[in-house]
PDB file of all heavy atoms in Angstrom:
ATOM      1  N   ALA A   1      -6.177  -2.294 -11.888  1.00  0.00           N
ATOM      2  CA  ALA A   1      -5.532  -1.203 -11.109  1.00  0.00           C
ATOM      3  C   ALA A   1      -6.515  -0.848  -9.955  1.00  0.00           C
ATOM      4  O   ALA A   1      -7.685  -0.674 -10.173  1.00  0.00           O
ATOM      5  CB  ALA A   1      -5.252  -0.033 -11.985  1.00  0.00           C
ATOM      6  N   GLU A   2      -5.937  -0.700  -8.788  1.00  0.00           N
ATOM      7  CA  GLU A   2      -6.654  -0.261  -7.597  1.00  0.00           C
ATOM      8  C   GLU A   2      -6.259   1.140  -7.197  1.00  0.00           C
ATOM      9  O   GLU A   2      -5.051   1.456  -7.228  1.00  0.00           O
ATOM     10  CB  GLU A   2      -6.376  -1.209  -6.429  1.00  0.00           C
ATOM     11  CG  GLU A   2      -7.050  -2.552  -6.565  1.00  0.00           C
ATOM     12  CD  GLU A   2      -8.540  -2.532  -6.196  1.00  0.00           C
ATOM     13  OE1 GLU A   2      -8.913  -1.554  -5.516  1.00  0.00           O
ATOM     14  OE2 GLU A   2      -9.227  -3.488  -6.575  1.00  0.00           O
ATOM     15  N   LYS A   3      -7.144   1.971  -6.783  1.00  0.00           N
ATOM     16  CA  LYS A   3      -6.875   3.293  -6.305  1.00  0.00           C
ATOM     17  C   LYS A   3      -6.883   3.269  -4.748  1.00  0.00           C
ATOM     18  O   LYS A   3      -7.879   2.841  -4.137  1.00  0.00           O
ATOM     19  CB  LYS A   3      -7.914   4.287  -6.779  1.00  0.00           C
ATOM     20  CG  LYS A   3      -7.741   5.674  -6.268  1.00  0.00           C
ATOM     21  CD  LYS A   3      -8.844   6.588  -6.718  1.00  0.00           C
ATOM     22  CE  LYS A   3      -8.849   7.924  -6.053  1.00  0.00           C
ATOM     23  NZ  LYS A   3     -10.012   8.810  -6.501  1.00  0.00           N
ATOM     24  N   ALA A   4      -5.750   3.637  -4.189  1.00  0.00           N
ATOM     25  CA  ALA A   4      -5.706   3.743  -2.732  1.00  0.00           C
ATOM     26  C   ALA A   4      -6.332   4.965  -2.308  1.00  0.00           C
ATOM     27  O   ALA A   4      -5.790   6.091  -2.419  1.00  0.00           O
ATOM     28  CB  ALA A   4      -4.234   3.664  -2.260  1.00  0.00           C
ATOM     29  N   THR A   5      -7.559   4.877  -1.740  1.00  0.00           N
ATOM     30  CA  THR A   5      -8.342   6.023  -1.448  1.00  0.00           C
ATOM     31  C   THR A   5      -8.009   6.689  -0.114  1.00  0.00           C
ATOM     32  O   THR A   5      -8.365   7.826   0.172  1.00  0.00           O
ATOM     33  CB  THR A   5      -9.845   5.670  -1.405  1.00  0.00           C
ATOM     34  OG1 THR A   5     -10.019   4.625  -0.453  1.00  0.00           O
ATOM     35  CG2 THR A   5     -10.314   5.243  -2.820  1.00  0.00           C
ATOM     36  N   SER A   6      -7.192   6.022   0.716  1.00  0.00           N
ATOM     37  CA  SER A   6      -6.850   6.498   2.047  1.00  0.00           C
ATOM     38  C   SER A   6      -5.553   5.840   2.513  1.00  0.00           C
ATOM     39  O   SER A   6      -5.069   4.844   1.951  1.00  0.00           O
ATOM     40  CB  SER A   6      -7.957   6.279   3.001  1.00  0.00           C
ATOM     41  OG  SER A   6      -8.148   4.848   3.249  1.00  0.00           O
ATOM     42  N   ILE A   7      -5.001   6.334   3.602  1.00  0.00           N
ATOM     43  CA  ILE A   7      -3.851   5.705   4.225  1.00  0.00           C
ATOM     44  C   ILE A   7      -4.180   4.273   4.593  1.00  0.00           C
ATOM     45  O   ILE A   7      -3.411   3.345   4.387  1.00  0.00           O
ATOM     46  CB  ILE A   7      -3.329   6.507   5.448  1.00  0.00           C
ATOM     47  CG1 ILE A   7      -2.806   7.883   4.964  1.00  0.00           C
ATOM     48  CG2 ILE A   7      -2.279   5.755   6.189  1.00  0.00           C
ATOM     49  CD1 ILE A   7      -2.410   8.791   6.092  1.00  0.00           C
ATOM     50  N   ALA A   8      -5.404   4.138   5.152  1.00  0.00           N
ATOM     51  CA  ALA A   8      -5.808   2.766   5.587  1.00  0.00           C
ATOM     52  C   ALA A   8      -5.921   1.828   4.414  1.00  0.00           C
ATOM     53  O   ALA A   8      -5.567   0.650   4.521  1.00  0.00           O
ATOM     54  CB  ALA A   8      -7.119   2.852   6.412  1.00  0.00           C
ATOM     55  N   SER A   9      -6.487   2.303   3.349  1.00  0.00           N
ATOM     56  CA  SER A   9      -6.688   1.383   2.227  1.00  0.00           C
ATOM     57  C   SER A   9      -5.335   0.955   1.593  1.00  0.00           C
ATOM     58  O   SER A   9      -5.162  -0.155   1.150  1.00  0.00           O
ATOM     59  CB  SER A   9      -7.552   2.031   1.105  1.00  0.00           C
ATOM     60  OG  SER A   9      -6.907   3.099   0.499  1.00  0.00           O
ATOM     61  N   LEU A  10      -4.328   1.911   1.467  1.00  0.00           N
ATOM     62  CA  LEU A  10      -3.015   1.539   0.977  1.00  0.00           C
ATOM     63  C   LEU A  10      -2.394   0.551   1.942  1.00  0.00           C
ATOM     64  O   LEU A  10      -1.798  -0.449   1.471  1.00  0.00           O
ATOM     65  CB  LEU A  10      -2.173   2.794   0.904  1.00  0.00           C
ATOM     66  CG  LEU A  10      -0.736   2.645   0.439  1.00  0.00           C
ATOM     67  CD1 LEU A  10      -0.670   1.914  -0.920  1.00  0.00           C
ATOM     68  CD2 LEU A  10       0.014   3.944   0.473  1.00  0.00           C
ATOM     69  N   LYS A  11      -2.520   0.753   3.240  1.00  0.00           N
ATOM     70  CA  LYS A  11      -1.934  -0.188   4.236  1.00  0.00           C
ATOM     71  C   LYS A  11      -2.519  -1.525   4.031  1.00  0.00           C
ATOM     72  O   LYS A  11      -1.843  -2.616   4.040  1.00  0.00           O
ATOM     73  CB  LYS A  11      -2.141   0.353   5.635  1.00  0.00           C
ATOM     74  CG  LYS A  11      -1.490  -0.483   6.722  1.00  0.00           C
ATOM     75  CD  LYS A  11      -1.860   0.045   8.100  1.00  0.00           C
ATOM     76  CE  LYS A  11      -1.365   1.471   8.366  1.00  0.00           C
ATOM     77  NZ  LYS A  11      -1.609   1.881   9.725  1.00  0.00           N
ATOM     78  N   ARG A  12      -3.840  -1.585   3.815  1.00  0.00           N
ATOM     79  CA  ARG A  12      -4.596  -2.857   3.664  1.00  0.00           C
ATOM     80  C   ARG A  12      -4.084  -3.593   2.379  1.00  0.00           C
ATOM     81  O   ARG A  12      -3.857  -4.853   2.398  1.00  0.00           O
ATOM     82  CB  ARG A  12      -6.069  -2.651   3.616  1.00  0.00           C
ATOM     83  CG  ARG A  12      -6.954  -3.925   3.268  1.00  0.00           C
ATOM     84  CD  ARG A  12      -8.432  -3.598   3.167  1.00  0.00           C
ATOM     85  NE  ARG A  12      -8.728  -2.469   2.328  1.00  0.00           N
ATOM     86  CZ  ARG A  12      -8.745  -2.576   0.978  1.00  0.00           C
ATOM     87  NH1 ARG A  12      -8.489  -3.762   0.406  1.00  0.00           N
ATOM     88  NH2 ARG A  12      -9.073  -1.516   0.224  1.00  0.00           N
ATOM     89  N   LEU A  13      -3.963  -2.836   1.271  1.00  0.00           N
ATOM     90  CA  LEU A  13      -3.497  -3.471   0.052  1.00  0.00           C
ATOM     91  C   LEU A  13      -2.141  -4.040   0.183  1.00  0.00           C
ATOM     92  O   LEU A  13      -1.809  -5.237  -0.277  1.00  0.00           O
ATOM     93  CB  LEU A  13      -3.532  -2.404  -1.077  1.00  0.00           C
ATOM     94  CG  LEU A  13      -4.943  -2.040  -1.614  1.00  0.00           C
ATOM     95  CD1 LEU A  13      -4.832  -0.729  -2.446  1.00  0.00           C
ATOM     96  CD2 LEU A  13      -5.575  -3.164  -2.430  1.00  0.00           C
ATOM     97  N   LEU A  14      -1.248  -3.311   0.802  1.00  0.00           N
ATOM     98  CA  LEU A  14       0.157  -3.813   0.950  1.00  0.00           C
ATOM     99  C   LEU A  14       0.223  -4.995   1.957  1.00  0.00           C
ATOM    100  O   LEU A  14       0.953  -5.956   1.729  1.00  0.00           O
ATOM    101  CB  LEU A  14       1.045  -2.683   1.406  1.00  0.00           C
ATOM    102  CG  LEU A  14       1.317  -1.555   0.416  1.00  0.00           C
ATOM    103  CD1 LEU A  14       2.145  -0.427   1.009  1.00  0.00           C
ATOM    104  CD2 LEU A  14       2.018  -2.104  -0.867  1.00  0.00           C
ATOM    105  N   LYS A  15      -0.521  -4.904   3.027  1.00  0.00           N
ATOM    106  CA  LYS A  15      -0.453  -5.957   4.028  1.00  0.00           C
ATOM    107  C   LYS A  15      -1.139  -7.206   3.547  1.00  0.00           C
ATOM    108  O   LYS A  15      -0.709  -8.348   3.840  1.00  0.00           O
ATOM    109  CB  LYS A  15      -1.192  -5.452   5.278  1.00  0.00           C
ATOM    110  CG  LYS A  15      -0.793  -6.274   6.534  1.00  0.00           C
ATOM    111  CD  LYS A  15      -1.377  -5.580   7.778  1.00  0.00           C
ATOM    112  CE  LYS A  15      -0.924  -6.368   9.031  1.00  0.00           C
ATOM    113  NZ  LYS A  15      -1.386  -5.667  10.243  1.00  0.00           N
ATOM    114  N   SER A  16      -2.144  -7.095   2.666  1.00  0.00           N
ATOM    115  CA  SER A  16      -2.853  -8.294   2.167  1.00  0.00           C
ATOM    116  C   SER A  16      -2.121  -8.932   1.003  1.00  0.00           C
ATOM    117  O   SER A  16      -2.626  -9.875   0.417  1.00  0.00           O
ATOM    118  CB  SER A  16      -4.263  -7.958   1.736  1.00  0.00           C
ATOM    119  OG  SER A  16      -4.262  -7.054   0.650  1.00  0.00           O
ATOM    120  N   ASP A  17      -0.971  -8.390   0.572  1.00  0.00           N
ATOM    121  CA  ASP A  17      -0.197  -8.900  -0.500  1.00  0.00           C
ATOM    122  C   ASP A  17      -0.889  -8.819  -1.825  1.00  0.00           C
ATOM    123  O   ASP A  17      -0.792  -9.753  -2.614  1.00  0.00           O
ATOM    124  CB  ASP A  17       0.272 -10.387  -0.189  1.00  0.00           C
ATOM    125  CG  ASP A  17       1.578 -10.662  -0.811  1.00  0.00           C
ATOM    126  OD1 ASP A  17       2.375  -9.821  -1.051  1.00  0.00           O
ATOM    127  OD2 ASP A  17       1.799 -11.870  -1.174  1.00  0.00           O
ATOM    128  N   TYR A  18      -1.586  -7.714  -2.031  1.00  0.00           N
ATOM    129  CA  TYR A  18      -2.348  -7.494  -3.312  1.00  0.00           C
ATOM    130  C   TYR A  18      -1.311  -7.541  -4.520  1.00  0.00           C
ATOM    131  O   TYR A  18      -0.240  -7.034  -4.441  1.00  0.00           O
ATOM    132  CB  TYR A  18      -3.006  -6.168  -3.276  1.00  0.00           C
ATOM    133  CG  TYR A  18      -3.562  -5.724  -4.615  1.00  0.00           C
ATOM    134  CD1 TYR A  18      -4.824  -6.228  -5.028  1.00  0.00           C
ATOM    135  CD2 TYR A  18      -2.922  -4.810  -5.407  1.00  0.00           C
ATOM    136  CE1 TYR A  18      -5.343  -5.818  -6.271  1.00  0.00           C
ATOM    137  CE2 TYR A  18      -3.452  -4.409  -6.612  1.00  0.00           C
ATOM    138  CZ  TYR A  18      -4.651  -4.915  -7.023  1.00  0.00           C
ATOM    139  OH  TYR A  18      -5.155  -4.492  -8.259  1.00  0.00           O
ATOM    140  N   ARG A  19      -1.723  -8.313  -5.528  1.00  0.00           N
ATOM    141  CA  ARG A  19      -0.907  -8.396  -6.790  1.00  0.00           C
ATOM    142  C   ARG A  19      -1.634  -7.636  -7.865  1.00  0.00           C
ATOM    143  O   ARG A  19      -2.803  -7.965  -8.228  1.00  0.00           O
ATOM    144  CB  ARG A  19      -0.680  -9.824  -7.184  1.00  0.00           C
ATOM    145  CG  ARG A  19      -0.152 -10.776  -6.052  1.00  0.00           C
ATOM    146  CD  ARG A  19       1.173 -10.329  -5.621  1.00  0.00           C
ATOM    147  NE  ARG A  19       1.645 -11.171  -4.539  1.00  0.00           N
ATOM    148  CZ  ARG A  19       2.598 -12.150  -4.684  1.00  0.00           C
ATOM    149  NH1 ARG A  19       3.119 -12.407  -5.870  1.00  0.00           N
ATOM    150  NH2 ARG A  19       2.997 -12.839  -3.634  1.00  0.00           N
ATOM    151  N   GLY A  20      -0.989  -6.631  -8.387  1.00  0.00           N
ATOM    152  CA  GLY A  20      -1.621  -5.824  -9.405  1.00  0.00           C
ATOM    153  C   GLY A  20      -1.049  -4.401  -9.326  1.00  0.00           C
ATOM    154  O   GLY A  20       0.067  -4.200  -8.776  1.00  0.00           O
ATOM    155  N   ILE A  21      -1.748  -3.463  -9.981  1.00  0.00           N
ATOM    156  CA  ILE A  21      -1.237  -2.031 -10.009  1.00  0.00           C
ATOM    157  C   ILE A  21      -2.019  -1.249  -8.978  1.00  0.00           C
ATOM    158  O   ILE A  21      -3.273  -1.307  -8.893  1.00  0.00           O
ATOM    159  CB  ILE A  21      -1.477  -1.456 -11.424  1.00  0.00           C
ATOM    160  CG1 ILE A  21      -0.612  -2.236 -12.422  1.00  0.00           C
ATOM    161  CG2 ILE A  21      -1.087   0.028 -11.435  1.00  0.00           C
ATOM    162  CD1 ILE A  21      -0.816  -1.805 -13.864  1.00  0.00           C
ATOM    163  N   ILE A  22      -1.301  -0.469  -8.142  1.00  0.00           N
ATOM    164  CA  ILE A  22      -1.919   0.379  -7.128  1.00  0.00           C
ATOM    165  C   ILE A  22      -1.582   1.840  -7.452  1.00  0.00           C
ATOM    166  O   ILE A  22      -0.375   2.133  -7.638  1.00  0.00           O
ATOM    167  CB  ILE A  22      -1.406   0.048  -5.695  1.00  0.00           C
ATOM    168  CG1 ILE A  22      -1.748  -1.386  -5.338  1.00  0.00           C
ATOM    169  CG2 ILE A  22      -2.021   1.018  -4.685  1.00  0.00           C
ATOM    170  CD1 ILE A  22      -1.080  -1.839  -4.034  1.00  0.00           C
ATOM    171  N   VAL A  23      -2.518   2.661  -7.586  1.00  0.00           N
ATOM    172  CA  VAL A  23      -2.332   4.086  -7.759  1.00  0.00           C
ATOM    173  C   VAL A  23      -2.604   4.784  -6.464  1.00  0.00           C
ATOM    174  O   VAL A  23      -3.651   4.634  -5.826  1.00  0.00           O
ATOM    175  CB  VAL A  23      -3.276   4.703  -8.859  1.00  0.00           C
ATOM    176  CG1 VAL A  23      -3.089   6.168  -9.031  1.00  0.00           C
ATOM    177  CG2 VAL A  23      -3.005   3.950 -10.235  1.00  0.00           C
ATOM    178  N   SER A  24      -1.578   5.569  -6.026  1.00  0.00           N
ATOM    179  CA  SER A  24      -1.709   6.220  -4.695  1.00  0.00           C
ATOM    180  C   SER A  24      -0.984   7.522  -4.738  1.00  0.00           C
ATOM    181  O   SER A  24      -0.101   7.770  -5.648  1.00  0.00           O
ATOM    182  CB  SER A  24      -1.108   5.291  -3.612  1.00  0.00           C
ATOM    183  OG  SER A  24      -1.125   5.978  -2.376  1.00  0.00           O
ATOM    184  N   MET A  25      -1.230   8.330  -3.736  1.00  0.00           N
ATOM    185  CA  MET A  25      -0.486   9.576  -3.559  1.00  0.00           C
ATOM    186  C   MET A  25       0.632   9.243  -2.542  1.00  0.00           C
ATOM    187  O   MET A  25       0.457   8.456  -1.621  1.00  0.00           O
ATOM    188  CB  MET A  25      -1.356  10.704  -3.079  1.00  0.00           C
ATOM    189  CG  MET A  25      -2.300  11.172  -4.145  1.00  0.00           C
ATOM    190  SD  MET A  25      -3.353  12.525  -3.550  1.00  0.00           S
ATOM    191  CE  MET A  25      -2.151  13.798  -3.273  1.00  0.00           C
ATOM    192  N   ILE A  26       1.739   9.896  -2.668  1.00  0.00           N
ATOM    193  CA  ILE A  26       2.917   9.619  -1.857  1.00  0.00           C
ATOM    194  C   ILE A  26       2.629   9.897  -0.391  1.00  0.00           C
ATOM    195  O   ILE A  26       3.110   9.173   0.489  1.00  0.00           O
ATOM    196  CB  ILE A  26       4.112  10.505  -2.321  1.00  0.00           C
ATOM    197  CG1 ILE A  26       5.397  10.165  -1.532  1.00  0.00           C
ATOM    198  CG2 ILE A  26       3.795  11.995  -2.222  1.00  0.00           C
ATOM    199  CD1 ILE A  26       6.007   8.849  -1.858  1.00  0.00           C
ATOM    200  N   HIS A  27       1.717  10.888  -0.049  1.00  0.00           N
ATOM    201  CA  HIS A  27       1.536  11.219   1.324  1.00  0.00           C
ATOM    202  C   HIS A  27       0.783  10.090   2.061  1.00  0.00           C
ATOM    203  O   HIS A  27       0.791  10.143   3.331  1.00  0.00           O
ATOM    204  CB  HIS A  27       0.709  12.554   1.418  1.00  0.00           C
ATOM    205  CG  HIS A  27      -0.715  12.415   1.251  1.00  0.00           C
ATOM    206  ND1 HIS A  27      -1.328  12.683   0.031  1.00  0.00           N
ATOM    207  CD2 HIS A  27      -1.693  12.051   2.078  1.00  0.00           C
ATOM    208  CE1 HIS A  27      -2.652  12.469   0.204  1.00  0.00           C
ATOM    209  NE2 HIS A  27      -2.895  12.077   1.425  1.00  0.00           N
ATOM    210  N   LYS A  28       0.234   9.170   1.435  1.00  0.00           N
ATOM    211  CA  LYS A  28      -0.439   8.068   2.078  1.00  0.00           C
ATOM    212  C   LYS A  28       0.510   7.085   2.734  1.00  0.00           C
ATOM    213  O   LYS A  28       0.071   6.144   3.446  1.00  0.00           O
ATOM    214  CB  LYS A  28      -1.387   7.346   1.088  1.00  0.00           C
ATOM    215  CG  LYS A  28      -2.591   8.194   0.625  1.00  0.00           C
ATOM    216  CD  LYS A  28      -3.577   7.394  -0.131  1.00  0.00           C
ATOM    217  CE  LYS A  28      -4.838   8.198  -0.453  1.00  0.00           C
ATOM    218  NZ  LYS A  28      -4.685   9.140  -1.556  1.00  0.00           N
ATOM    219  N   PHE A  29       1.785   7.257   2.543  1.00  0.00           N
ATOM    220  CA  PHE A  29       2.821   6.516   3.234  1.00  0.00           C
ATOM    221  C   PHE A  29       3.138   7.094   4.636  1.00  0.00           C
ATOM    222  O   PHE A  29       3.927   6.560   5.315  1.00  0.00           O
ATOM    223  CB  PHE A  29       4.087   6.374   2.409  1.00  0.00           C
ATOM    224  CG  PHE A  29       4.022   5.172   1.489  1.00  0.00           C
ATOM    225  CD1 PHE A  29       3.545   5.293   0.220  1.00  0.00           C
ATOM    226  CD2 PHE A  29       4.462   3.929   1.900  1.00  0.00           C
ATOM    227  CE1 PHE A  29       3.501   4.181  -0.653  1.00  0.00           C
ATOM    228  CE2 PHE A  29       4.407   2.830   1.106  1.00  0.00           C
ATOM    229  CZ  PHE A  29       3.950   2.984  -0.254  1.00  0.00           C
ATOM    230  N   HIS A  30       2.536   8.243   5.004  1.00  0.00           N
ATOM    231  CA  HIS A  30       2.810   8.826   6.247  1.00  0.00           C
ATOM    232  C   HIS A  30       2.512   7.924   7.374  1.00  0.00           C
ATOM    233  O   HIS A  30       1.361   7.329   7.454  1.00  0.00           O
ATOM    234  CB  HIS A  30       2.015  10.140   6.449  1.00  0.00           C
ATOM    235  CG  HIS A  30       2.231  10.837   7.632  1.00  0.00           C
ATOM    236  ND1 HIS A  30       3.464  11.549   7.977  1.00  0.00           N
ATOM    237  CD2 HIS A  30       1.592  11.038   8.827  1.00  0.00           C
ATOM    238  CE1 HIS A  30       3.481  12.035   9.126  1.00  0.00           C
ATOM    239  NE2 HIS A  30       2.298  11.771   9.687  1.00  0.00           N
ATOM    240  N   ASP A  31       3.443   7.675   8.264  1.00  0.00           N
ATOM    241  CA  ASP A  31       3.274   6.785   9.413  1.00  0.00           C
ATOM    242  C   ASP A  31       3.044   5.300   9.006  1.00  0.00           C
ATOM    243  O   ASP A  31       2.568   4.512   9.830  1.00  0.00           O
ATOM    244  CB  ASP A  31       2.130   7.239  10.362  1.00  0.00           C
ATOM    245  CG  ASP A  31       2.581   8.379  11.289  1.00  0.00           C
ATOM    246  OD1 ASP A  31       3.844   8.510  11.444  1.00  0.00           O
ATOM    247  OD2 ASP A  31       1.719   9.089  11.792  1.00  0.00           O
ATOM    248  N   MET A  32       3.384   4.949   7.748  1.00  0.00           N
ATOM    249  CA  MET A  32       3.290   3.544   7.387  1.00  0.00           C
ATOM    250  C   MET A  32       4.226   2.678   8.149  1.00  0.00           C
ATOM    251  O   MET A  32       5.393   3.055   8.293  1.00  0.00           O
ATOM    252  CB  MET A  32       3.537   3.442   5.877  1.00  0.00           C
ATOM    253  CG  MET A  32       3.318   1.981   5.310  1.00  0.00           C
ATOM    254  SD  MET A  32       1.492   1.588   5.171  1.00  0.00           S
ATOM    255  CE  MET A  32       1.000   2.671   3.883  1.00  0.00           C
ATOM    256  N   PRO A  33       3.774   1.533   8.726  1.00  0.00           N
ATOM    257  CA  PRO A  33       4.639   0.659   9.500  1.00  0.00           C
ATOM    258  C   PRO A  33       5.815   0.168   8.692  1.00  0.00           C
ATOM    259  O   PRO A  33       5.688  -0.051   7.463  1.00  0.00           O
ATOM    260  CB  PRO A  33       3.795  -0.448   9.935  1.00  0.00           C
ATOM    261  CG  PRO A  33       2.407   0.035   9.807  1.00  0.00           C
ATOM    262  CD  PRO A  33       2.389   1.043   8.673  1.00  0.00           C
ATOM    263  N   ALA A  34       6.973   0.047   9.337  1.00  0.00           N
ATOM    264  CA  ALA A  34       8.142  -0.529   8.591  1.00  0.00           C
ATOM    265  C   ALA A  34       7.886  -2.000   8.268  1.00  0.00           C
ATOM    266  O   ALA A  34       7.136  -2.687   8.973  1.00  0.00           O
ATOM    267  CB  ALA A  34       9.370  -0.378   9.463  1.00  0.00           C
ATOM    268  N   ASN A  35       8.493  -2.460   7.180  1.00  0.00           N
ATOM    269  CA  ASN A  35       8.424  -3.854   6.774  1.00  0.00           C
ATOM    270  C   ASN A  35       6.987  -4.411   6.587  1.00  0.00           C
ATOM    271  O   ASN A  35       6.754  -5.541   6.882  1.00  0.00           O
ATOM    272  CB  ASN A  35       9.201  -4.721   7.789  1.00  0.00           C
ATOM    273  CG  ASN A  35      10.677  -4.285   7.917  1.00  0.00           C
ATOM    274  OD1 ASN A  35      11.297  -3.896   6.887  1.00  0.00           O
ATOM    275  ND2 ASN A  35      11.190  -4.379   9.151  1.00  0.00           N
ATOM    276  N   ILE A  36       6.118  -3.575   6.100  1.00  0.00           N
ATOM    277  CA  ILE A  36       4.750  -4.017   5.958  1.00  0.00           C
ATOM    278  C   ILE A  36       4.685  -5.079   4.850  1.00  0.00           C
ATOM    279  O   ILE A  36       3.773  -5.932   4.885  1.00  0.00           O
ATOM    280  CB  ILE A  36       3.776  -2.871   5.653  1.00  0.00           C
ATOM    281  CG1 ILE A  36       2.379  -3.260   5.814  1.00  0.00           C
ATOM    282  CG2 ILE A  36       4.039  -2.243   4.293  1.00  0.00           C
ATOM    283  CD1 ILE A  36       1.350  -2.160   5.779  1.00  0.00           C
ATOM    284  N   ASN A  37       5.608  -5.066   3.912  1.00  0.00           N
ATOM    285  CA  ASN A  37       5.644  -6.144   2.871  1.00  0.00           C
ATOM    286  C   ASN A  37       7.088  -6.224   2.439  1.00  0.00           C
ATOM    287  O   ASN A  37       7.706  -5.324   1.995  1.00  0.00           O
ATOM    288  CB  ASN A  37       4.769  -5.771   1.677  1.00  0.00           C
ATOM    289  CG  ASN A  37       4.527  -6.970   0.746  1.00  0.00           C
ATOM    290  OD1 ASN A  37       5.435  -7.754   0.479  1.00  0.00           O
ATOM    291  ND2 ASN A  37       3.285  -7.175   0.369  1.00  0.00           N
ATOM    292  N   LEU A  38       7.612  -7.480   2.607  1.00  0.00           N
ATOM    293  CA  LEU A  38       9.036  -7.720   2.344  1.00  0.00           C
ATOM    294  C   LEU A  38       9.328  -8.322   0.974  1.00  0.00           C
ATOM    295  O   LEU A  38      10.496  -8.700   0.679  1.00  0.00           O
ATOM    296  CB  LEU A  38       9.590  -8.601   3.488  1.00  0.00           C
ATOM    297  CG  LEU A  38       9.555  -7.925   4.872  1.00  0.00           C
ATOM    298  CD1 LEU A  38      10.085  -8.921   5.948  1.00  0.00           C
ATOM    299  CD2 LEU A  38      10.385  -6.696   4.957  1.00  0.00           C
ATOM    300  N   ARG A  39       8.273  -8.502   0.175  1.00  0.00           N
ATOM    301  CA  ARG A  39       8.517  -9.091  -1.165  1.00  0.00           C
ATOM    302  C   ARG A  39       9.475  -8.266  -2.026  1.00  0.00           C
ATOM    303  O   ARG A  39       9.528  -7.039  -1.892  1.00  0.00           O
ATOM    304  CB  ARG A  39       7.204  -9.271  -1.910  1.00  0.00           C
ATOM    305  CG  ARG A  39       6.498 -10.586  -1.730  1.00  0.00           C
ATOM    306  CD  ARG A  39       5.438 -10.815  -2.742  1.00  0.00           C
ATOM    307  NE  ARG A  39       4.365  -9.918  -2.667  1.00  0.00           N
ATOM    308  CZ  ARG A  39       4.070  -9.006  -3.579  1.00  0.00           C
ATOM    309  NH1 ARG A  39       4.830  -8.984  -4.753  1.00  0.00           N
ATOM    310  NH2 ARG A  39       3.094  -8.213  -3.461  1.00  0.00           N
ATOM    311  N   LYS A  40      10.230  -8.935  -2.857  1.00  0.00           N
ATOM    312  CA  LYS A  40      11.139  -8.270  -3.747  1.00  0.00           C
ATOM    313  C   LYS A  40      10.436  -7.787  -5.069  1.00  0.00           C
ATOM    314  O   LYS A  40      10.868  -6.770  -5.639  1.00  0.00           O
ATOM    315  CB  LYS A  40      12.321  -9.178  -4.140  1.00  0.00           C
ATOM    316  CG  LYS A  40      13.228  -9.433  -2.979  1.00  0.00           C
ATOM    317  CD  LYS A  40      14.465 -10.249  -3.440  1.00  0.00           C
ATOM    318  CE  LYS A  40      15.479 -10.447  -2.328  1.00  0.00           C
ATOM    319  NZ  LYS A  40      16.635 -11.255  -2.711  1.00  0.00           N
ATOM    320  N   ASN A  41       9.378  -8.548  -5.443  1.00  0.00           N
ATOM    321  CA  ASN A  41       8.753  -8.136  -6.765  1.00  0.00           C
ATOM    322  C   ASN A  41       7.659  -7.087  -6.558  1.00  0.00           C
ATOM    323  O   ASN A  41       6.522  -7.213  -6.973  1.00  0.00           O
ATOM    324  CB  ASN A  41       8.216  -9.349  -7.473  1.00  0.00           C
ATOM    325  CG  ASN A  41       7.139 -10.117  -6.696  1.00  0.00           C
ATOM    326  OD1 ASN A  41       7.088 -10.023  -5.479  1.00  0.00           O
ATOM    327  ND2 ASN A  41       6.334 -10.856  -7.380  1.00  0.00           N
TER     328      ASN A  41
END
């Protein structure tokens, strides 16, 4: 499990296609780019 410590770290985890569990706060999606990861799983 990875902890998203900031908006930037959450963006990096999603963009890099990280596979695993991410723990984050909902507010870290503020201004997140659309379609940053299009996977279904």
